[in-house]
């Protein structure tokens, strides 16, 4: 017990060190780099995913029964994504493994990550996933959160210049196409955005959908996502940021909205929109306007959400910052607040409790590898 406590202290201390993605090409000869998010730091997150990606139980399934024939274990219902507590966590757990294996191909865990992806993403298993998705009464299955993460996995595999990744990408394609079809049919019918801090949030999903569409060259989906975001959010003013967070949030409704709008507006337009939407942002390096959240019980599957909130807030703050003009006076506030949330969020990713350990690693990798920022590098609509 004492050894574990000491190890936990070390882990927390390491998490508090600010991390920035670095690869071999980023190092300057003769210059001592600052503490970085490298393959060694990433291993802890990779191990969390590897430990649960095929861990079938406990399993929280969202499964509609039409008859006795639908009573089956997760490995029969959704054989590719049957571990990691629930379907969407399994999906983004696989994304984590692909992301880290692609980013750090020579890391100690890379071969294990590749092997895990090969086991899960077979043609046969993906075919059964499509059958399940198309089953009667499952029109809203994992919509939009899980489906958006599936597209993120598809984008990661598509962009990975590797023979195995290309094979896995081809295997995943039928399910990827089914998800695109499901979201394409749904978005025009969605009359109002869902403004909550959990899975159903519209803004976060639109960001992932938009990034995927631009990465894959799906211009129709990119236009649909961008037009939907404008329809839902362009006229918004004076967001009630003081009402956040709710007790089970792992997303910020307000920041999520701003993070998708920076993807579709040019910097000057976005800055003007943000002034009307978030007039409370200070012009100095102040973090009091958005205090860090504290989970009262990381072992509770719902209360642990607040640990993830700090991580998602951090990447959304960084995303908003990336969309602002270089001279914007609010940049110090966003930068300081993002760092505060990043430190708190990473410190919570210990793996001590499975309730948080099965998904927080994915959020940490999305943040530290700056995956979401890449959407802002694409051409604006």
Protein backbone atom coordinates (compact mmCIF):
# COMPACT_ATOMS: atom_id res chain seq x y z
CA UNK A 1 0.00 0.00 0.00
CA UNK A 2 2.80 2.44 0.87
CA UNK A 3 4.55 1.67 -2.41
CA UNK A 4 1.36 2.41 -4.33
CA UNK A 5 0.82 5.68 -2.49
CA UNK A 6 4.34 6.81 -3.26
CA UNK A 7 3.93 5.82 -6.89
CA UNK A 8 0.66 7.75 -7.08
CA UNK A 9 2.39 10.86 -5.71
CA UNK A 10 5.04 10.56 -8.42
CA UNK A 11 2.42 10.11 -11.14
CA UNK A 12 0.50 13.17 -9.98
CA UNK A 13 3.68 15.21 -9.82
CA UNK A 14 4.59 14.22 -13.37
CA UNK A 15 1.11 15.09 -14.59
CA UNK A 16 1.43 18.58 -13.18
CA UNK A 17 4.34 19.32 -15.52
CA UNK A 18 3.01 21.13 -18.61
CA UNK A 19 3.24 18.89 -21.66
CA UNK A 20 3.66 19.73 -25.31
CA UNK A 21 3.81 17.19 -28.11
CA UNK A 22 7.35 16.75 -29.39
CA UNK A 23 8.77 14.45 -32.02
CA UNK A 24 12.33 13.99 -33.26
CA UNK A 25 11.90 16.68 -35.91
CA UNK A 26 10.95 19.27 -33.29
CA UNK A 27 14.21 19.11 -31.28
CA UNK A 28 16.79 21.84 -31.82
CA UNK A 29 20.44 20.69 -31.60
CA UNK A 30 22.27 22.13 -28.61
CA UNK A 31 19.09 23.30 -26.92
CA UNK A 32 17.80 21.56 -23.79
CA UNK A 33 14.07 20.99 -24.33
CA UNK A 34 11.47 21.89 -21.75
CA UNK A 35 9.42 19.06 -20.18
CA UNK A 36 7.59 17.49 -23.09
CA UNK A 37 4.83 15.06 -23.91
CA UNK A 38 6.95 12.37 -25.49
CA UNK A 39 6.71 8.60 -25.99
CA UNK A 40 7.65 7.96 -22.37
CA UNK A 41 4.97 10.29 -21.02
CA UNK A 42 2.44 8.85 -23.46
CA UNK A 43 3.03 5.27 -22.32
CA UNK A 44 0.86 5.68 -19.24
CA UNK A 45 -2.12 6.64 -21.40
CA UNK A 46 -1.41 3.82 -23.85
CA UNK A 47 -1.31 1.30 -20.99
CA UNK A 48 -4.68 2.51 -19.71
CA UNK A 49 -6.23 1.83 -23.12
CA UNK A 50 -4.47 -1.49 -23.61
CA UNK A 51 -5.71 -2.65 -20.20
CA UNK A 52 -9.36 -2.13 -21.09
CA UNK A 53 -9.74 -2.24 -24.85
CA UNK A 54 -10.69 -5.96 -24.70
CA UNK A 55 -11.99 -5.87 -21.12
CA UNK A 56 -15.59 -6.88 -21.68
CA UNK A 57 -16.87 -6.50 -18.12
CA UNK A 58 -18.08 -4.41 -16.40
CA UNK A 59 -20.05 -3.23 -19.39
CA UNK A 60 -22.68 -0.50 -19.55
CA UNK A 61 -24.54 -1.20 -22.79
CA UNK A 62 -27.27 0.91 -24.36
CA UNK A 63 -29.12 -1.90 -26.10
CA UNK A 64 -32.70 -2.10 -27.34
CA UNK A 65 -34.23 -5.57 -27.07
CA UNK A 66 -36.71 -6.49 -29.80
CA UNK A 67 -36.91 -10.16 -28.82
CA UNK A 68 -35.14 -12.90 -26.87
CA UNK A 69 -32.76 -13.23 -29.81
CA UNK A 70 -31.28 -9.84 -28.89
CA UNK A 71 -30.08 -11.10 -25.52
CA UNK A 72 -26.33 -11.61 -25.99
CA UNK A 73 -23.02 -10.55 -24.47
CA UNK A 74 -21.24 -7.45 -25.82
CA UNK A 75 -18.68 -9.55 -27.72
CA UNK A 76 -21.53 -10.96 -29.82
CA UNK A 77 -23.46 -7.73 -30.27
CA UNK A 78 -20.57 -5.37 -31.10
CA UNK A 79 -17.43 -7.53 -31.41
CA UNK A 80 -15.06 -4.76 -32.51
CA UNK A 81 -15.98 -2.34 -29.72
CA UNK A 82 -17.08 -4.55 -26.83
CA UNK A 83 -14.59 -3.50 -24.16
CA UNK A 84 -13.78 -0.38 -22.18
CA UNK A 85 -17.06 -0.21 -20.21
CA UNK A 86 -19.19 1.08 -23.10
CA UNK A 87 -19.21 1.34 -26.88
CA UNK A 88 -18.10 4.94 -27.26
CA UNK A 89 -15.24 4.55 -24.77
CA UNK A 90 -14.06 1.49 -26.66
CA UNK A 91 -14.14 3.48 -29.90
CA UNK A 92 -12.06 6.36 -28.56
CA UNK A 93 -9.81 3.88 -26.74
CA UNK A 94 -8.97 2.43 -30.17
CA UNK A 95 -8.48 5.97 -31.46
CA UNK A 96 -6.01 6.59 -28.59
CA UNK A 97 -3.99 3.51 -29.58
CA UNK A 98 -3.94 4.54 -33.23
CA UNK A 99 -3.02 8.12 -32.35
CA UNK A 100 -0.11 7.19 -30.10
CA UNK A 101 1.21 4.39 -32.33
CA UNK A 102 1.14 6.78 -35.26
CA UNK A 103 2.72 9.66 -33.32
CA UNK A 104 5.40 7.55 -31.61
CA UNK A 105 6.02 4.56 -33.92
CA UNK A 106 9.12 3.43 -32.03
CA UNK A 107 7.60 3.56 -28.55
CA UNK A 108 7.65 0.45 -26.36
CA UNK A 109 3.86 0.11 -26.54
CA UNK A 110 3.51 0.72 -30.30
CA UNK A 111 3.60 -2.96 -31.31
CA UNK A 112 1.00 -3.84 -28.66
CA UNK A 113 -1.21 -1.00 -29.82
CA UNK A 114 -0.97 -2.20 -33.41
CA UNK A 115 -1.76 -5.76 -32.37
CA UNK A 116 -4.83 -4.62 -30.41
CA UNK A 117 -6.09 -2.69 -33.43
CA UNK A 118 -5.56 -5.72 -35.66
CA UNK A 119 -7.57 -7.92 -33.29
CA UNK A 120 -10.51 -5.53 -33.15
CA UNK A 121 -10.75 -3.99 -36.61
CA UNK A 122 -11.22 -7.06 -38.78
CA UNK A 123 -13.59 -7.13 -41.74
CA UNK A 124 -15.78 -9.69 -40.01
CA UNK A 125 -16.12 -7.76 -36.76
CA UNK A 126 -16.80 -4.49 -38.52
CA UNK A 127 -19.45 -6.17 -40.66
CA UNK A 128 -21.24 -7.26 -37.47
CA UNK A 129 -20.96 -3.71 -36.11
CA UNK A 130 -22.77 -2.47 -39.24
CA UNK A 131 -25.47 -5.07 -38.77
CA UNK A 132 -25.93 -3.98 -35.18
CA UNK A 133 -26.03 -0.27 -36.06
CA UNK A 134 -28.66 -0.92 -38.72
CA UNK A 135 -30.83 -2.98 -36.35
CA UNK A 136 -34.46 -2.11 -35.75
CA UNK A 137 -34.97 0.67 -33.22
CA UNK A 138 -31.33 1.80 -33.15
CA UNK A 139 -31.63 5.04 -35.08
CA UNK A 140 -30.26 7.04 -32.13
CA UNK A 141 -27.56 4.56 -31.06
CA UNK A 142 -24.46 6.49 -29.92
CA UNK A 143 -25.69 9.59 -31.73
CA UNK A 144 -23.85 11.88 -31.89
CA UNK A 145 -20.97 11.26 -29.42
CA UNK A 146 -19.97 7.70 -30.24
CA UNK A 147 -20.48 8.15 -33.97
CA UNK A 148 -18.38 11.32 -33.95
CA UNK A 149 -15.54 9.48 -32.18
CA UNK A 150 -15.84 6.68 -34.74
CA UNK A 151 -15.24 9.26 -37.47
CA UNK A 152 -12.24 10.51 -35.52
CA UNK A 153 -10.86 6.95 -35.51
CA UNK A 154 -11.52 6.77 -39.24
CA UNK A 155 -9.68 10.05 -39.81
CA UNK A 156 -6.69 8.88 -37.76
CA UNK A 157 -6.36 5.68 -39.76
CA UNK A 158 -6.85 7.49 -43.11
CA UNK A 159 -4.11 10.00 -42.31
CA UNK A 160 -1.64 7.39 -41.03
CA UNK A 161 0.85 6.62 -43.82
CA UNK A 162 1.39 2.98 -42.92
CA UNK A 163 0.45 -0.29 -44.72
CA UNK A 164 -1.24 -1.82 -41.66
CA UNK A 165 -3.16 1.39 -40.99
CA UNK A 166 -4.38 1.47 -44.59
CA UNK A 167 -5.67 -2.09 -44.21
CA UNK A 168 -7.41 -1.23 -40.96
CA UNK A 169 -8.87 1.90 -42.54
CA UNK A 170 -10.31 -0.17 -45.37
CA UNK A 171 -11.77 -2.63 -42.86
CA UNK A 172 -13.41 0.19 -40.88
CA UNK A 173 -14.82 1.93 -43.96
CA UNK A 174 -18.27 0.23 -44.03
CA UNK A 175 -18.97 1.28 -40.43
CA UNK A 176 -17.49 4.71 -41.09
CA UNK A 177 -19.81 5.13 -44.08
CA UNK A 178 -22.78 3.95 -42.01
CA UNK A 179 -21.97 6.56 -39.35
CA UNK A 180 -21.70 9.30 -42.00
CA UNK A 181 -25.06 8.27 -43.43
CA UNK A 182 -26.66 8.22 -39.97
CA UNK A 183 -25.36 11.69 -39.08
CA UNK A 184 -26.16 13.13 -42.50
CA UNK A 185 -29.78 12.05 -42.18
CA UNK A 186 -30.05 13.33 -38.61
CA UNK A 187 -28.48 16.79 -38.68
CA UNK A 188 -31.01 18.46 -41.04
CA UNK A 189 -33.83 17.21 -38.77
CA UNK A 190 -32.28 18.48 -35.55
CA UNK A 191 -34.36 21.59 -34.84
CA UNK A 192 -32.37 22.83 -31.83
CA UNK A 193 -28.87 22.13 -30.55
CA UNK A 194 -28.47 19.97 -27.44
CA UNK A 195 -26.70 22.24 -24.95
CA UNK A 196 -25.62 19.89 -22.19
CA UNK A 197 -22.24 18.88 -20.81
CA UNK A 198 -22.47 15.19 -21.59
CA UNK A 199 -22.60 12.80 -24.56
CA UNK A 200 -25.51 14.40 -26.41
CA UNK A 201 -23.86 17.81 -26.76
CA UNK A 202 -24.24 18.98 -30.34
CA UNK A 203 -21.29 21.40 -30.46
CA UNK A 204 -18.54 18.91 -29.59
CA UNK A 205 -19.84 16.35 -32.07
CA UNK A 206 -20.02 18.98 -34.83
CA UNK A 207 -16.37 19.81 -34.24
CA UNK A 208 -15.29 16.19 -34.66
CA UNK A 209 -17.59 15.70 -37.65
CA UNK A 210 -16.21 18.82 -39.31
CA UNK A 211 -12.60 17.80 -38.72
CA UNK A 212 -13.31 14.34 -40.14
CA UNK A 213 -15.11 15.71 -43.18
CA UNK A 214 -12.28 18.07 -44.05
CA UNK A 215 -9.66 15.39 -43.46
CA UNK A 216 -11.45 12.85 -45.65
CA UNK A 217 -12.41 15.32 -48.37
CA UNK A 218 -16.15 14.89 -47.79
CA UNK A 219 -17.21 18.37 -48.87
CA UNK A 220 -20.93 17.66 -48.51
CA UNK A 221 -20.57 16.57 -44.89
CA UNK A 222 -18.25 19.50 -44.13
CA UNK A 223 -20.81 21.93 -45.52
CA UNK A 224 -23.63 20.27 -43.60
CA UNK A 225 -21.68 20.43 -40.32
CA UNK A 226 -20.61 24.04 -40.86
CA UNK A 227 -24.10 25.15 -41.91
CA UNK A 228 -25.58 23.36 -38.89
CA UNK A 229 -23.17 25.11 -36.52
CA UNK A 230 -24.05 28.49 -38.03
CA UNK A 231 -27.76 27.73 -37.83
CA UNK A 232 -27.49 26.74 -34.19
CA UNK A 233 -24.91 29.17 -32.83
CA UNK A 234 -24.15 32.17 -35.05
CA UNK A 235 -26.76 34.43 -33.46
CA UNK A 236 -25.96 33.45 -29.85
CA UNK A 237 -25.12 36.20 -27.35
CA UNK A 238 -24.14 36.41 -23.67
CA UNK A 239 -23.60 32.73 -22.89
CA UNK A 240 -24.46 31.80 -19.25
CA UNK A 241 -20.93 30.69 -18.41
CA UNK A 242 -21.51 31.43 -14.71
CA UNK A 243 -24.04 28.57 -14.62
CA UNK A 244 -21.34 26.02 -15.48
CA UNK A 245 -20.51 23.36 -14.60
CA UNK A 246 -23.38 21.07 -13.88
CA UNK A 247 -22.47 18.32 -11.45
CA UNK A 248 -21.95 15.62 -14.08
CA UNK A 249 -20.45 17.63 -16.97
CA UNK A 250 -17.44 16.45 -18.92
CA UNK A 251 -17.93 19.14 -21.57
CA UNK A 252 -18.54 22.86 -21.27
CA UNK A 253 -21.61 23.84 -23.32
CA UNK A 254 -20.31 27.39 -23.77
CA UNK A 255 -16.70 26.55 -24.63
CA UNK A 256 -17.85 23.71 -26.87
CA UNK A 257 -19.91 26.14 -28.89
CA UNK A 258 -17.02 28.58 -29.24
CA UNK A 259 -14.63 25.75 -30.15
CA UNK A 260 -16.74 24.70 -33.12
CA UNK A 261 -17.34 28.27 -34.28
CA UNK A 262 -13.60 28.97 -34.48
CA UNK A 263 -13.46 26.14 -37.03
CA UNK A 264 -15.87 27.85 -39.44
CA UNK A 265 -15.20 31.58 -39.01
CA UNK A 266 -12.13 33.52 -40.12
CA UNK A 267 -10.09 34.89 -37.17
CA UNK A 268 -11.46 38.45 -37.27
CA UNK A 269 -15.04 37.20 -37.69
CA UNK A 270 -14.55 34.73 -34.87
CA UNK A 271 -13.13 37.41 -32.57
CA UNK A 272 -16.15 39.62 -33.21
CA UNK A 273 -18.57 36.73 -32.65
CA UNK A 274 -16.78 35.75 -29.44
CA UNK A 275 -17.09 39.29 -28.06
CA UNK A 276 -20.85 39.04 -28.27
CA UNK A 277 -20.98 35.43 -27.08
CA UNK A 278 -18.51 35.67 -24.18
CA UNK A 279 -18.33 39.32 -23.11
CA UNK A 280 -17.04 38.27 -19.67
CA UNK A 281 -13.55 37.22 -20.85
CA UNK A 282 -10.83 39.38 -19.19
CA UNK A 283 -7.90 40.92 -21.00
CA UNK A 284 -5.22 39.80 -18.56
CA UNK A 285 -3.77 36.45 -17.48
CA UNK A 286 -6.63 35.81 -15.08
CA UNK A 287 -8.13 32.36 -14.40
CA UNK A 288 -10.86 33.40 -11.95
CA UNK A 289 -13.45 33.75 -14.71
CA UNK A 290 -13.41 29.95 -15.19
CA UNK A 291 -12.30 28.06 -12.04
CA UNK A 292 -10.92 24.55 -12.32
CA UNK A 293 -13.49 21.84 -11.47
CA UNK A 294 -12.90 19.29 -8.69
CA UNK A 295 -14.48 15.84 -8.71
CA UNK A 296 -15.90 15.03 -5.25
CA UNK A 297 -15.54 11.27 -5.89
CA UNK A 298 -13.39 9.97 -8.78
CA UNK A 299 -14.67 6.44 -8.11
CA UNK A 300 -18.23 7.45 -9.01
CA UNK A 301 -18.80 7.01 -12.78
CA UNK A 302 -20.86 10.20 -13.05
CA UNK A 303 -18.99 12.42 -10.58
CA UNK A 304 -15.71 11.45 -12.26
CA UNK A 305 -16.96 13.38 -15.27
CA UNK A 306 -15.62 16.58 -13.73
CA UNK A 307 -12.06 15.30 -14.12
CA UNK A 308 -12.72 14.97 -17.83
CA UNK A 309 -14.27 18.43 -17.87
CA UNK A 310 -10.91 19.97 -16.99
CA UNK A 311 -9.27 18.13 -19.89
CA UNK A 312 -11.94 19.06 -22.44
CA UNK A 313 -12.04 22.65 -21.24
CA UNK A 314 -8.27 22.83 -21.71
CA UNK A 315 -8.40 21.65 -25.32
CA UNK A 316 -11.39 23.88 -26.09
CA UNK A 317 -9.62 26.90 -24.60
CA UNK A 318 -6.55 26.09 -26.71
CA UNK A 319 -8.81 25.67 -29.73
CA UNK A 320 -10.46 29.04 -29.15
CA UNK A 321 -7.02 30.60 -28.73
CA UNK A 322 -5.91 29.10 -32.05
CA UNK A 323 -8.83 30.74 -33.81
CA UNK A 324 -8.21 34.28 -32.53
CA UNK A 325 -6.08 36.91 -34.26
CA UNK A 326 -2.52 37.19 -32.90
CA UNK A 327 -3.22 40.64 -31.41
CA UNK A 328 -6.44 39.73 -29.58
CA UNK A 329 -6.26 41.12 -26.01
CA UNK A 330 -8.03 38.06 -24.54
CA UNK A 331 -5.24 35.67 -25.46
CA UNK A 332 -3.47 35.84 -22.03
CA UNK A 333 -6.70 34.88 -20.25
CA UNK A 334 -7.33 31.90 -22.52
CA UNK A 335 -3.71 30.77 -22.31
CA UNK A 336 -3.48 30.94 -18.51
CA UNK A 337 -6.85 29.27 -18.01
CA UNK A 338 -6.03 26.49 -20.45
CA UNK A 339 -2.80 25.73 -18.57
CA UNK A 340 -4.61 25.63 -15.22
CA UNK A 341 -7.19 23.18 -16.53
CA UNK A 342 -4.57 21.07 -18.30
CA UNK A 343 -2.53 20.63 -15.12
CA UNK A 344 -5.58 19.70 -13.05
CA UNK A 345 -6.97 17.39 -15.71
CA UNK A 346 -3.75 15.47 -16.35
CA UNK A 347 -3.17 15.01 -12.62
CA UNK A 348 -6.50 13.17 -12.41
CA UNK A 349 -5.60 10.57 -15.03
CA UNK A 350 -4.16 8.03 -12.60
CA UNK A 351 -6.03 4.88 -13.59
CA UNK A 352 -6.74 4.21 -9.92
CA UNK A 353 -10.48 3.97 -10.58
CA UNK A 354 -11.81 2.17 -13.65
CA UNK A 355 -14.78 4.56 -13.68
CA UNK A 356 -12.45 7.29 -14.94
CA UNK A 357 -9.49 5.25 -16.14
CA UNK A 358 -11.37 3.68 -19.04
CA UNK A 359 -11.90 7.03 -20.79
CA UNK A 360 -9.81 9.84 -19.31
CA UNK A 361 -6.70 8.67 -21.17
CA UNK A 362 -8.40 9.38 -24.50
CA UNK A 363 -9.25 12.90 -23.38
CA UNK A 364 -5.67 13.41 -22.19
CA UNK A 365 -4.23 12.28 -25.53
CA UNK A 366 -6.68 14.41 -27.51
CA UNK A 367 -5.48 17.38 -25.45
CA UNK A 368 -1.74 16.75 -25.32
CA UNK A 369 -1.35 15.82 -28.98
CA UNK A 370 -3.47 18.84 -29.94
CA UNK A 371 -5.59 16.73 -32.24
CA UNK A 372 -8.50 19.16 -32.27
CA UNK A 373 -6.33 22.14 -33.21
CA UNK A 374 -5.67 20.57 -36.57
CA UNK A 375 -9.21 21.38 -37.60
CA UNK A 376 -8.38 25.08 -37.52
CA UNK A 377 -5.58 24.52 -40.04
CA UNK A 378 -8.09 23.57 -42.70
CA UNK A 379 -9.52 26.11 -45.09
CA UNK A 380 -12.41 28.10 -43.62
CA UNK A 381 -15.83 27.70 -45.19
